Amino acid sequence: NKKICSLCASLAVFRFAQAVLLYHPIRSEVDVRPLLEMALA
């Protein structure tokens, strides 16, 4: 999850996005909560 979030955060489309639509993980889904926190920050 940490590696996937790091790769996502490094993408230009993510870095320069004005809006981020994401999900809150359930079961064993990839946990994107760090990206939620980062986007809010």
PDB file of all heavy atoms in Angstrom:
ATOM      1  N   ASN A   1       0.836  -1.209   0.000  1.00  0.00           N
ATOM      2  CA  ASN A   1       0.000   0.000   0.000  1.00  0.00           C
ATOM      3  C   ASN A   1       0.867   1.255   0.000  1.00  0.00           C
ATOM      4  O   ASN A   1       0.587   2.210  -0.723  1.00  0.00           O
ATOM      5  CB  ASN A   1      -0.925   0.027   1.228  1.00  0.00           C
ATOM      6  CG  ASN A   1      -2.020  -1.018   1.164  1.00  0.00           C
ATOM      7  OD1 ASN A   1      -2.372  -1.512   0.098  1.00  0.00           O
ATOM      8  ND2 ASN A   1      -2.558  -1.360   2.320  1.00  0.00           N
ATOM      9  N   LYS A   2       1.912   1.256   0.833  1.00  0.00           N
ATOM     10  CA  LYS A   2       2.814   2.417   0.892  1.00  0.00           C
ATOM     11  C   LYS A   2       3.461   2.676  -0.457  1.00  0.00           C
ATOM     12  O   LYS A   2       3.564   3.821  -0.907  1.00  0.00           O
ATOM     13  CB  LYS A   2       3.893   2.199   1.964  1.00  0.00           C
ATOM     14  CG  LYS A   2       3.386   2.358   3.367  1.00  0.00           C
ATOM     15  CD  LYS A   2       4.488   2.131   4.372  1.00  0.00           C
ATOM     16  CE  LYS A   2       3.923   2.186   5.785  1.00  0.00           C
ATOM     17  NZ  LYS A   2       4.891   1.813   6.797  1.00  0.00           N
ATOM     18  N   LYS A   3       3.904   1.623  -1.117  1.00  0.00           N
ATOM     19  CA  LYS A   3       4.556   1.756  -2.424  1.00  0.00           C
ATOM     20  C   LYS A   3       3.561   2.274  -3.462  1.00  0.00           C
ATOM     21  O   LYS A   3       3.881   3.180  -4.245  1.00  0.00           O
ATOM     22  CB  LYS A   3       5.143   0.403  -2.854  1.00  0.00           C
ATOM     23  CG  LYS A   3       5.862   0.435  -4.173  1.00  0.00           C
ATOM     24  CD  LYS A   3       7.086   1.313  -4.132  1.00  0.00           C
ATOM     25  CE  LYS A   3       7.841   1.242  -5.459  1.00  0.00           C
ATOM     26  NZ  LYS A   3       8.929   2.198  -5.521  1.00  0.00           N
ATOM     27  N   ILE A   4       2.353   1.723  -3.478  1.00  0.00           N
ATOM     28  CA  ILE A   4       1.330   2.150  -4.443  1.00  0.00           C
ATOM     29  C   ILE A   4       0.979   3.621  -4.219  1.00  0.00           C
ATOM     30  O   ILE A   4       0.896   4.406  -5.168  1.00  0.00           O
ATOM     31  CB  ILE A   4       0.086   1.245  -4.353  1.00  0.00           C
ATOM     32  CG1 ILE A   4       0.428  -0.158  -4.880  1.00  0.00           C
ATOM     33  CG2 ILE A   4      -1.097   1.847  -5.122  1.00  0.00           C
ATOM     34  CD1 ILE A   4      -0.622  -1.222  -4.588  1.00  0.00           C
ATOM     35  N   CYS A   5       0.793   4.014  -2.973  1.00  0.00           N
ATOM     36  CA  CYS A   5       0.476   5.417  -2.662  1.00  0.00           C
ATOM     37  C   CYS A   5       1.619   6.335  -3.069  1.00  0.00           C
ATOM     38  O   CYS A   5       1.388   7.421  -3.616  1.00  0.00           O
ATOM     39  CB  CYS A   5       0.141   5.582  -1.181  1.00  0.00           C
ATOM     40  SG  CYS A   5      -1.475   4.921  -0.734  1.00  0.00           S
ATOM     41  N   SER A   6       2.848   5.908  -2.839  1.00  0.00           N
ATOM     42  CA  SER A   6       4.014   6.703  -3.215  1.00  0.00           C
ATOM     43  C   SER A   6       4.078   6.892  -4.733  1.00  0.00           C
ATOM     44  O   SER A   6       4.327   7.994  -5.232  1.00  0.00           O
ATOM     45  CB  SER A   6       5.281   6.030  -2.702  1.00  0.00           C
ATOM     46  OG  SER A   6       6.422   6.711  -3.157  1.00  0.00           O
ATOM     47  N   LEU A   7       3.848   5.818  -5.478  1.00  0.00           N
ATOM     48  CA  LEU A   7       3.852   5.905  -6.940  1.00  0.00           C
ATOM     49  C   LEU A   7       2.741   6.834  -7.429  1.00  0.00           C
ATOM     50  O   LEU A   7       2.954   7.664  -8.316  1.00  0.00           O
ATOM     51  CB  LEU A   7       3.687   4.514  -7.562  1.00  0.00           C
ATOM     52  CG  LEU A   7       4.906   3.599  -7.488  1.00  0.00           C
ATOM     53  CD1 LEU A   7       4.529   2.170  -7.850  1.00  0.00           C
ATOM     54  CD2 LEU A   7       6.014   4.115  -8.406  1.00  0.00           C
ATOM     55  N   CYS A   8       1.574   6.710  -6.846  1.00  0.00           N
ATOM     56  CA  CYS A   8       0.443   7.548  -7.247  1.00  0.00           C
ATOM     57  C   CYS A   8       0.750   9.020  -6.970  1.00  0.00           C
ATOM     58  O   CYS A   8       0.534   9.885  -7.828  1.00  0.00           O
ATOM     59  CB  CYS A   8      -0.823   7.107  -6.521  1.00  0.00           C
ATOM     60  SG  CYS A   8      -2.310   7.976  -7.086  1.00  0.00           S
ATOM     61  N   ALA A   9       1.269   9.292  -5.794  1.00  0.00           N
ATOM     62  CA  ALA A   9       1.570  10.673  -5.400  1.00  0.00           C
ATOM     63  C   ALA A   9       2.627  11.303  -6.291  1.00  0.00           C
ATOM     64  O   ALA A   9       2.671  12.526  -6.445  1.00  0.00           O
ATOM     65  CB  ALA A   9       2.017  10.715  -3.940  1.00  0.00           C
ATOM     66  N   SER A  10       3.478  10.488  -6.902  1.00  0.00           N
ATOM     67  CA  SER A  10       4.555  11.011  -7.749  1.00  0.00           C
ATOM     68  C   SER A  10       4.095  11.333  -9.172  1.00  0.00           C
ATOM     69  O   SER A  10       4.813  11.997  -9.914  1.00  0.00           O
ATOM     70  CB  SER A  10       5.711  10.007  -7.805  1.00  0.00           C
ATOM     71  OG  SER A  10       5.351   8.880  -8.590  1.00  0.00           O
ATOM     72  N   LEU A  11       2.907  10.881  -9.551  1.00  0.00           N
ATOM     73  CA  LEU A  11       2.418  11.115 -10.912  1.00  0.00           C
ATOM     74  C   LEU A  11       2.041  12.581 -11.119  1.00  0.00           C
ATOM     75  O   LEU A  11       1.392  13.190 -10.266  1.00  0.00           O
ATOM     76  CB  LEU A  11       1.177  10.256 -11.190  1.00  0.00           C
ATOM     77  CG  LEU A  11       1.362   8.752 -11.238  1.00  0.00           C
ATOM     78  CD1 LEU A  11       0.014   8.070 -11.360  1.00  0.00           C
ATOM     79  CD2 LEU A  11       2.261   8.367 -12.406  1.00  0.00           C
ATOM     80  N   ALA A  12       2.386  13.122 -12.266  1.00  0.00           N
ATOM     81  CA  ALA A  12       2.033  14.510 -12.575  1.00  0.00           C
ATOM     82  C   ALA A  12       0.525  14.714 -12.537  1.00  0.00           C
ATOM     83  O   ALA A  12       0.050  15.739 -12.035  1.00  0.00           O
ATOM     84  CB  ALA A  12       2.592  14.902 -13.939  1.00  0.00           C
ATOM     85  N   VAL A  13      -0.244  13.737 -13.033  1.00  0.00           N
ATOM     86  CA  VAL A  13      -1.710  13.911 -13.046  1.00  0.00           C
ATOM     87  C   VAL A  13      -2.269  14.007 -11.632  1.00  0.00           C
ATOM     88  O   VAL A  13      -3.270  14.674 -11.405  1.00  0.00           O
ATOM     89  CB  VAL A  13      -2.460  12.800 -13.829  1.00  0.00           C
ATOM     90  CG1 VAL A  13      -2.181  12.894 -15.304  1.00  0.00           C
ATOM     91  CG2 VAL A  13      -2.180  11.428 -13.283  1.00  0.00           C
ATOM     92  N   PHE A  14      -1.609  13.373 -10.664  1.00  0.00           N
ATOM     93  CA  PHE A  14      -2.042  13.483  -9.272  1.00  0.00           C
ATOM     94  C   PHE A  14      -1.503  14.776  -8.653  1.00  0.00           C
ATOM     95  O   PHE A  14      -2.244  15.522  -8.015  1.00  0.00           O
ATOM     96  CB  PHE A  14      -1.580  12.272  -8.452  1.00  0.00           C
ATOM     97  CG  PHE A  14      -2.118  12.272  -7.041  1.00  0.00           C
ATOM     98  CD1 PHE A  14      -3.345  11.706  -6.757  1.00  0.00           C
ATOM     99  CD2 PHE A  14      -1.405  12.867  -6.005  1.00  0.00           C
ATOM    100  CE1 PHE A  14      -3.862  11.725  -5.462  1.00  0.00           C
ATOM    101  CE2 PHE A  14      -1.902  12.891  -4.710  1.00  0.00           C
ATOM    102  CZ  PHE A  14      -3.139  12.320  -4.439  1.00  0.00           C
ATOM    103  N   ARG A  15      -0.228  15.042  -8.862  1.00  0.00           N
ATOM    104  CA  ARG A  15       0.386  16.235  -8.255  1.00  0.00           C
ATOM    105  C   ARG A  15      -0.306  17.515  -8.684  1.00  0.00           C
ATOM    106  O   ARG A  15      -0.490  18.423  -7.887  1.00  0.00           O
ATOM    107  CB  ARG A  15       1.876  16.317  -8.615  1.00  0.00           C
ATOM    108  CG  ARG A  15       2.729  15.306  -7.893  1.00  0.00           C
ATOM    109  CD  ARG A  15       4.228  15.608  -7.978  1.00  0.00           C
ATOM    110  NE  ARG A  15       4.656  16.340  -9.134  1.00  0.00           N
ATOM    111  CZ  ARG A  15       5.178  15.785 -10.239  1.00  0.00           C
ATOM    112  NH1 ARG A  15       5.309  14.477 -10.331  1.00  0.00           N
ATOM    113  NH2 ARG A  15       5.570  16.540 -11.245  1.00  0.00           N
ATOM    114  N   PHE A  16      -0.684  17.587  -9.960  1.00  0.00           N
ATOM    115  CA  PHE A  16      -1.282  18.816 -10.479  1.00  0.00           C
ATOM    116  C   PHE A  16      -2.807  18.788 -10.491  1.00  0.00           C
ATOM    117  O   PHE A  16      -3.441  19.739 -10.954  1.00  0.00           O
ATOM    118  CB  PHE A  16      -0.731  19.119 -11.873  1.00  0.00           C
ATOM    119  CG  PHE A  16       0.740  19.403 -11.857  1.00  0.00           C
ATOM    120  CD1 PHE A  16       1.637  18.527 -12.435  1.00  0.00           C
ATOM    121  CD2 PHE A  16       1.236  20.531 -11.218  1.00  0.00           C
ATOM    122  CE1 PHE A  16       2.999  18.780 -12.396  1.00  0.00           C
ATOM    123  CE2 PHE A  16       2.598  20.789 -11.174  1.00  0.00           C
ATOM    124  CZ  PHE A  16       3.488  19.913 -11.763  1.00  0.00           C
ATOM    125  N   ALA A  17      -3.398  17.731  -9.962  1.00  0.00           N
ATOM    126  CA  ALA A  17      -4.868  17.658  -9.904  1.00  0.00           C
ATOM    127  C   ALA A  17      -5.393  18.710  -8.936  1.00  0.00           C
ATOM    128  O   ALA A  17      -4.832  18.919  -7.863  1.00  0.00           O
ATOM    129  CB  ALA A  17      -5.314  16.274  -9.468  1.00  0.00           C
ATOM    130  N   GLN A  18      -6.454  19.359  -9.330  1.00  0.00           N
ATOM    131  CA  GLN A  18      -7.139  20.294  -8.438  1.00  0.00           C
ATOM    132  C   GLN A  18      -8.141  19.553  -7.558  1.00  0.00           C
ATOM    133  O   GLN A  18      -8.433  19.979  -6.459  1.00  0.00           O
ATOM    134  CB  GLN A  18      -7.862  21.359  -9.265  1.00  0.00           C
ATOM    135  CG  GLN A  18      -6.921  22.227 -10.076  1.00  0.00           C
ATOM    136  CD  GLN A  18      -7.679  22.998 -11.136  1.00  0.00           C
ATOM    137  OE1 GLN A  18      -8.193  22.425 -12.082  1.00  0.00           O
ATOM    138  NE2 GLN A  18      -7.760  24.303 -10.949  1.00  0.00           N
ATOM    139  N   ALA A  19      -8.657  18.440  -8.085  1.00  0.00           N
ATOM    140  CA  ALA A  19      -9.640  17.635  -7.354  1.00  0.00           C
ATOM    141  C   ALA A  19      -9.228  16.169  -7.390  1.00  0.00           C
ATOM    142  O   ALA A  19      -8.767  15.671  -8.420  1.00  0.00           O
ATOM    143  CB  ALA A  19     -11.027  17.804  -7.963  1.00  0.00           C
ATOM    144  N   VAL A  20      -9.384  15.508  -6.250  1.00  0.00           N
ATOM    145  CA  VAL A  20      -9.064  14.088  -6.126  1.00  0.00           C
ATOM    146  C   VAL A  20     -10.308  13.362  -5.624  1.00  0.00           C
ATOM    147  O   VAL A  20     -10.831  13.687  -4.555  1.00  0.00           O
ATOM    148  CB  VAL A  20      -7.887  13.861  -5.147  1.00  0.00           C
ATOM    149  CG1 VAL A  20      -7.610  12.379  -4.974  1.00  0.00           C
ATOM    150  CG2 VAL A  20      -6.641  14.588  -5.632  1.00  0.00           C
ATOM    151  N   LEU A  21     -10.771  12.422  -6.417  1.00  0.00           N
ATOM    152  CA  LEU A  21     -11.901  11.588  -6.026  1.00  0.00           C
ATOM    153  C   LEU A  21     -11.311  10.247  -5.631  1.00  0.00           C
ATOM    154  O   LEU A  21     -10.597   9.619  -6.422  1.00  0.00           O
ATOM    155  CB  LEU A  21     -12.886  11.419  -7.180  1.00  0.00           C
ATOM    156  CG  LEU A  21     -13.751  12.637  -7.539  1.00  0.00           C
ATOM    157  CD1 LEU A  21     -12.941  13.776  -8.105  1.00  0.00           C
ATOM    158  CD2 LEU A  21     -14.832  12.233  -8.517  1.00  0.00           C
ATOM    159  N   LEU A  22     -11.552   9.832  -4.402  1.00  0.00           N
ATOM    160  CA  LEU A  22     -11.002   8.560  -3.969  1.00  0.00           C
ATOM    161  C   LEU A  22     -12.006   7.808  -3.117  1.00  0.00           C
ATOM    162  O   LEU A  22     -13.163   8.218  -2.996  1.00  0.00           O
ATOM    163  CB  LEU A  22      -9.651   8.733  -3.286  1.00  0.00           C
ATOM    164  CG  LEU A  22      -9.396   9.901  -2.341  1.00  0.00           C
ATOM    165  CD1 LEU A  22     -10.142   9.763  -1.058  1.00  0.00           C
ATOM    166  CD2 LEU A  22      -7.920  10.031  -2.087  1.00  0.00           C
ATOM    167  N   TYR A  23     -11.594   6.712  -2.562  1.00  0.00           N
ATOM    168  CA  TYR A  23     -12.494   5.836  -1.812  1.00  0.00           C
ATOM    169  C   TYR A  23     -11.889   5.568  -0.441  1.00  0.00           C
ATOM    170  O   TYR A  23     -10.697   5.760  -0.219  1.00  0.00           O
ATOM    171  CB  TYR A  23     -12.704   4.518  -2.571  1.00  0.00           C
ATOM    172  CG  TYR A  23     -11.416   3.746  -2.797  1.00  0.00           C
ATOM    173  CD1 TYR A  23     -10.993   2.781  -1.888  1.00  0.00           C
ATOM    174  CD2 TYR A  23     -10.606   4.001  -3.896  1.00  0.00           C
ATOM    175  CE1 TYR A  23      -9.803   2.092  -2.075  1.00  0.00           C
ATOM    176  CE2 TYR A  23      -9.412   3.317  -4.096  1.00  0.00           C
ATOM    177  CZ  TYR A  23      -9.026   2.360  -3.187  1.00  0.00           C
ATOM    178  OH  TYR A  23      -7.846   1.679  -3.369  1.00  0.00           O
ATOM    179  N   HIS A  24     -12.714   5.112   0.459  1.00  0.00           N
ATOM    180  CA  HIS A  24     -12.225   4.652   1.761  1.00  0.00           C
ATOM    181  C   HIS A  24     -12.161   3.130   1.662  1.00  0.00           C
ATOM    182  O   HIS A  24     -13.148   2.490   1.303  1.00  0.00           O
ATOM    183  CB  HIS A  24     -13.188   5.080   2.874  1.00  0.00           C
ATOM    184  CG  HIS A  24     -12.574   5.023   4.226  1.00  0.00           C
ATOM    185  ND1 HIS A  24     -12.445   3.844   4.915  1.00  0.00           N
ATOM    186  CD2 HIS A  24     -12.022   5.984   5.000  1.00  0.00           C
ATOM    187  CE1 HIS A  24     -11.861   4.086   6.075  1.00  0.00           C
ATOM    188  NE2 HIS A  24     -11.592   5.374   6.154  1.00  0.00           N
ATOM    189  N   PRO A  25     -11.016   2.512   1.930  1.00  0.00           N
ATOM    190  CA  PRO A  25     -10.861   1.073   1.672  1.00  0.00           C
ATOM    191  C   PRO A  25     -11.748   0.191   2.544  1.00  0.00           C
ATOM    192  O   PRO A  25     -12.018   0.504   3.704  1.00  0.00           O
ATOM    193  CB  PRO A  25      -9.379   0.824   1.982  1.00  0.00           C
ATOM    194  CG  PRO A  25      -9.013   1.901   2.949  1.00  0.00           C
ATOM    195  CD  PRO A  25      -9.836   3.097   2.564  1.00  0.00           C
ATOM    196  N   ILE A  26     -12.208  -0.886   1.924  1.00  0.00           N
ATOM    197  CA  ILE A  26     -12.925  -1.938   2.648  1.00  0.00           C
ATOM    198  C   ILE A  26     -12.218  -3.260   2.371  1.00  0.00           C
ATOM    199  O   ILE A  26     -11.466  -3.382   1.411  1.00  0.00           O
ATOM    200  CB  ILE A  26     -14.419  -2.035   2.240  1.00  0.00           C
ATOM    201  CG1 ILE A  26     -14.558  -2.286   0.739  1.00  0.00           C
ATOM    202  CG2 ILE A  26     -15.172  -0.797   2.660  1.00  0.00           C
ATOM    203  CD1 ILE A  26     -15.970  -2.632   0.308  1.00  0.00           C
ATOM    204  N   ARG A  27     -12.463  -4.207   3.246  1.00  0.00           N
ATOM    205  CA  ARG A  27     -11.853  -5.536   3.143  1.00  0.00           C
ATOM    206  C   ARG A  27     -10.352  -5.385   2.948  1.00  0.00           C
ATOM    207  O   ARG A  27      -9.684  -4.719   3.706  1.00  0.00           O
ATOM    208  CB  ARG A  27     -12.531  -6.340   2.036  1.00  0.00           C
ATOM    209  CG  ARG A  27     -14.029  -6.478   2.236  1.00  0.00           C
ATOM    210  CD  ARG A  27     -14.664  -7.349   1.168  1.00  0.00           C
ATOM    211  NE  ARG A  27     -16.094  -7.108   1.135  1.00  0.00           N
ATOM    212  CZ  ARG A  27     -16.748  -6.650   0.078  1.00  0.00           C
ATOM    213  NH1 ARG A  27     -16.115  -6.442  -1.050  1.00  0.00           N
ATOM    214  NH2 ARG A  27     -18.037  -6.434   0.138  1.00  0.00           N
ATOM    215  N   SER A  28      -9.838  -5.991   1.881  1.00  0.00           N
ATOM    216  CA  SER A  28      -8.389  -5.966   1.654  1.00  0.00           C
ATOM    217  C   SER A  28      -8.015  -5.079   0.468  1.00  0.00           C
ATOM    218  O   SER A  28      -7.002  -5.304  -0.186  1.00  0.00           O
ATOM    219  CB  SER A  28      -7.875  -7.395   1.447  1.00  0.00           C
ATOM    220  OG  SER A  28      -8.626  -8.050   0.435  1.00  0.00           O
ATOM    221  N   GLU A  29      -8.831  -4.043   0.194  1.00  0.00           N
ATOM    222  CA  GLU A  29      -8.523  -3.117  -0.895  1.00  0.00           C
ATOM    223  C   GLU A  29      -7.252  -2.330  -0.598  1.00  0.00           C
ATOM    224  O   GLU A  29      -6.879  -2.156   0.565  1.00  0.00           O
ATOM    225  CB  GLU A  29      -9.668  -2.114  -1.090  1.00  0.00           C
ATOM    226  CG  GLU A  29     -10.905  -2.713  -1.689  1.00  0.00           C
ATOM    227  CD  GLU A  29     -12.048  -1.717  -1.789  1.00  0.00           C
ATOM    228  OE1 GLU A  29     -12.029  -0.671  -1.114  1.00  0.00           O
ATOM    229  OE2 GLU A  29     -12.983  -2.015  -2.549  1.00  0.00           O
ATOM    230  N   VAL A  30      -6.634  -1.821  -1.653  1.00  0.00           N
ATOM    231  CA  VAL A  30      -5.476  -0.946  -1.487  1.00  0.00           C
ATOM    232  C   VAL A  30      -5.908   0.240  -0.625  1.00  0.00           C
ATOM    233  O   VAL A  30      -6.899   0.898  -0.894  1.00  0.00           O
ATOM    234  CB  VAL A  30      -4.950  -0.462  -2.857  1.00  0.00           C
ATOM    235  CG1 VAL A  30      -3.855   0.579  -2.659  1.00  0.00           C
ATOM    236  CG2 VAL A  30      -4.429  -1.640  -3.681  1.00  0.00           C
ATOM    237  N   ASP A  31      -5.144   0.491   0.427  1.00  0.00           N
ATOM    238  CA  ASP A  31      -5.468   1.543   1.389  1.00  0.00           C
ATOM    239  C   ASP A  31      -4.922   2.881   0.889  1.00  0.00           C
ATOM    240  O   ASP A  31      -3.712   3.096   0.853  1.00  0.00           O
ATOM    241  CB  ASP A  31      -4.868   1.200   2.752  1.00  0.00           C
ATOM    242  CG  ASP A  31      -5.318   2.142   3.854  1.00  0.00           C
ATOM    243  OD1 ASP A  31      -5.877   3.218   3.541  1.00  0.00           O
ATOM    244  OD2 ASP A  31      -5.108   1.803   5.029  1.00  0.00           O
ATOM    245  N   VAL A  32      -5.843   3.776   0.521  1.00  0.00           N
ATOM    246  CA  VAL A  32      -5.453   5.075  -0.034  1.00  0.00           C
ATOM    247  C   VAL A  32      -5.599   6.209   0.982  1.00  0.00           C
ATOM    248  O   VAL A  32      -5.504   7.381   0.619  1.00  0.00           O
ATOM    249  CB  VAL A  32      -6.266   5.408  -1.303  1.00  0.00           C
ATOM    250  CG1 VAL A  32      -5.956   4.423  -2.414  1.00  0.00           C
ATOM    251  CG2 VAL A  32      -7.756   5.452  -1.005  1.00  0.00           C
ATOM    252  N   ARG A  33      -5.786   5.877   2.248  1.00  0.00           N
ATOM    253  CA  ARG A  33      -5.956   6.944   3.243  1.00  0.00           C
ATOM    254  C   ARG A  33      -4.770   7.910   3.303  1.00  0.00           C
ATOM    255  O   ARG A  33      -4.980   9.113   3.507  1.00  0.00           O
ATOM    256  CB  ARG A  33      -6.283   6.348   4.608  1.00  0.00           C
ATOM    257  CG  ARG A  33      -7.729   5.813   4.657  1.00  0.00           C
ATOM    258  CD  ARG A  33      -8.061   5.145   5.944  1.00  0.00           C
ATOM    259  NE  ARG A  33      -7.340   3.878   6.041  1.00  0.00           N
ATOM    260  CZ  ARG A  33      -7.476   3.027   7.029  1.00  0.00           C
ATOM    261  NH1 ARG A  33      -8.288   3.308   8.043  1.00  0.00           N
ATOM    262  NH2 ARG A  33      -6.804   1.899   7.053  1.00  0.00           N
ATOM    263  N   PRO A  34      -3.520   7.454   3.087  1.00  0.00           N
ATOM    264  CA  PRO A  34      -2.427   8.433   3.053  1.00  0.00           C
ATOM    265  C   PRO A  34      -2.601   9.470   1.925  1.00  0.00           C
ATOM    266  O   PRO A  34      -2.235  10.630   2.086  1.00  0.00           O
ATOM    267  CB  PRO A  34      -1.180   7.574   2.826  1.00  0.00           C
ATOM    268  CG  PRO A  34      -1.542   6.236   3.386  1.00  0.00           C
ATOM    269  CD  PRO A  34      -3.001   6.068   3.066  1.00  0.00           C
ATOM    270  N   LEU A  35      -3.170   9.051   0.798  1.00  0.00           N
ATOM    271  CA  LEU A  35      -3.411   9.981  -0.309  1.00  0.00           C
ATOM    272  C   LEU A  35      -4.529  10.961   0.030  1.00  0.00           C
ATOM    273  O   LEU A  35      -4.493  12.125  -0.376  1.00  0.00           O
ATOM    274  CB  LEU A  35      -3.728   9.221  -1.592  1.00  0.00           C
ATOM    275  CG  LEU A  35      -2.572   8.380  -2.146  1.00  0.00           C
ATOM    276  CD1 LEU A  35      -3.048   7.509  -3.298  1.00  0.00           C
ATOM    277  CD2 LEU A  35      -1.410   9.264  -2.578  1.00  0.00           C
ATOM    278  N   LEU A  36      -5.507  10.499   0.787  1.00  0.00           N
ATOM    279  CA  LEU A  36      -6.577  11.377   1.269  1.00  0.00           C
ATOM    280  C   LEU A  36      -5.973  12.478   2.134  1.00  0.00           C
ATOM    281  O   LEU A  36      -6.236  13.666   1.921  1.00  0.00           O
ATOM    282  CB  LEU A  36      -7.607  10.559   2.061  1.00  0.00           C
ATOM    283  CG  LEU A  36      -8.629  11.327   2.887  1.00  0.00           C
ATOM    284  CD1 LEU A  36      -9.673  11.973   2.004  1.00  0.00           C
ATOM    285  CD2 LEU A  36      -9.305  10.409   3.891  1.00  0.00           C
ATOM    286  N   GLU A  37      -5.143  12.081   3.085  1.00  0.00           N
ATOM    287  CA  GLU A  37      -4.491  13.041   3.988  1.00  0.00           C
ATOM    288  C   GLU A  37      -3.599  14.011   3.206  1.00  0.00           C
ATOM    289  O   GLU A  37      -3.602  15.217   3.461  1.00  0.00           O
ATOM    290  CB  GLU A  37      -3.652  12.300   5.032  1.00  0.00           C
ATOM    291  CG  GLU A  37      -4.446  11.390   5.950  1.00  0.00           C
ATOM    292  CD  GLU A  37      -5.147  12.127   7.076  1.00  0.00           C
ATOM    293  OE1 GLU A  37      -4.953  13.354   7.219  1.00  0.00           O
ATOM    294  OE2 GLU A  37      -5.900  11.474   7.808  1.00  0.00           O
ATOM    295  N   MET A  38      -2.838  13.482   2.257  1.00  0.00           N
ATOM    296  CA  MET A  38      -1.936  14.304   1.464  1.00  0.00           C
ATOM    297  C   MET A  38      -2.713  15.328   0.638  1.00  0.00           C
ATOM    298  O   MET A  38      -2.359  16.516   0.595  1.00  0.00           O
ATOM    299  CB  MET A  38      -1.107  13.421   0.525  1.00  0.00           C
ATOM    300  CG  MET A  38      -0.178  14.197  -0.394  1.00  0.00           C
ATOM    301  SD  MET A  38       0.607  13.120  -1.616  1.00  0.00           S
ATOM    302  CE  MET A  38       1.483  12.012  -0.538  1.00  0.00           C
ATOM    303  N   ALA A  39      -3.769  14.872  -0.023  1.00  0.00           N
ATOM    304  CA  ALA A  39      -4.568  15.770  -0.866  1.00  0.00           C
ATOM    305  C   ALA A  39      -5.197  16.880  -0.029  1.00  0.00           C
ATOM    306  O   ALA A  39      -5.221  18.044  -0.445  1.00  0.00           O
ATOM    307  CB  ALA A  39      -5.633  14.982  -1.617  1.00  0.00           C
ATOM    308  N   LEU A  40      -5.685  16.533   1.156  1.00  0.00           N
ATOM    309  CA  LEU A  40      -6.256  17.557   2.039  1.00  0.00           C
ATOM    310  C   LEU A  40      -5.182  18.546   2.491  1.00  0.00           C
ATOM    311  O   LEU A  40      -5.405  19.760   2.496  1.00  0.00           O
ATOM    312  CB  LEU A  40      -6.923  16.909   3.251  1.00  0.00           C
ATOM    313  CG  LEU A  40      -8.247  16.184   2.990  1.00  0.00           C
ATOM    314  CD1 LEU A  40      -8.671  15.373   4.213  1.00  0.00           C
ATOM    315  CD2 LEU A  40      -9.348  17.159   2.579  1.00  0.00           C
ATOM    316  N   ALA A  41      -4.010  18.029   2.843  1.00  0.00           N
ATOM    317  CA  ALA A  41      -2.912  18.898   3.296  1.00  0.00           C
ATOM    318  C   ALA A  41      -2.463  19.843   2.187  1.00  0.00           C
ATOM    319  O   ALA A  41      -2.053  20.975   2.457  1.00  0.00           O
ATOM    320  CB  ALA A  41      -1.738  18.049   3.779  1.00  0.00           C
TER     321      ALA A  41
END
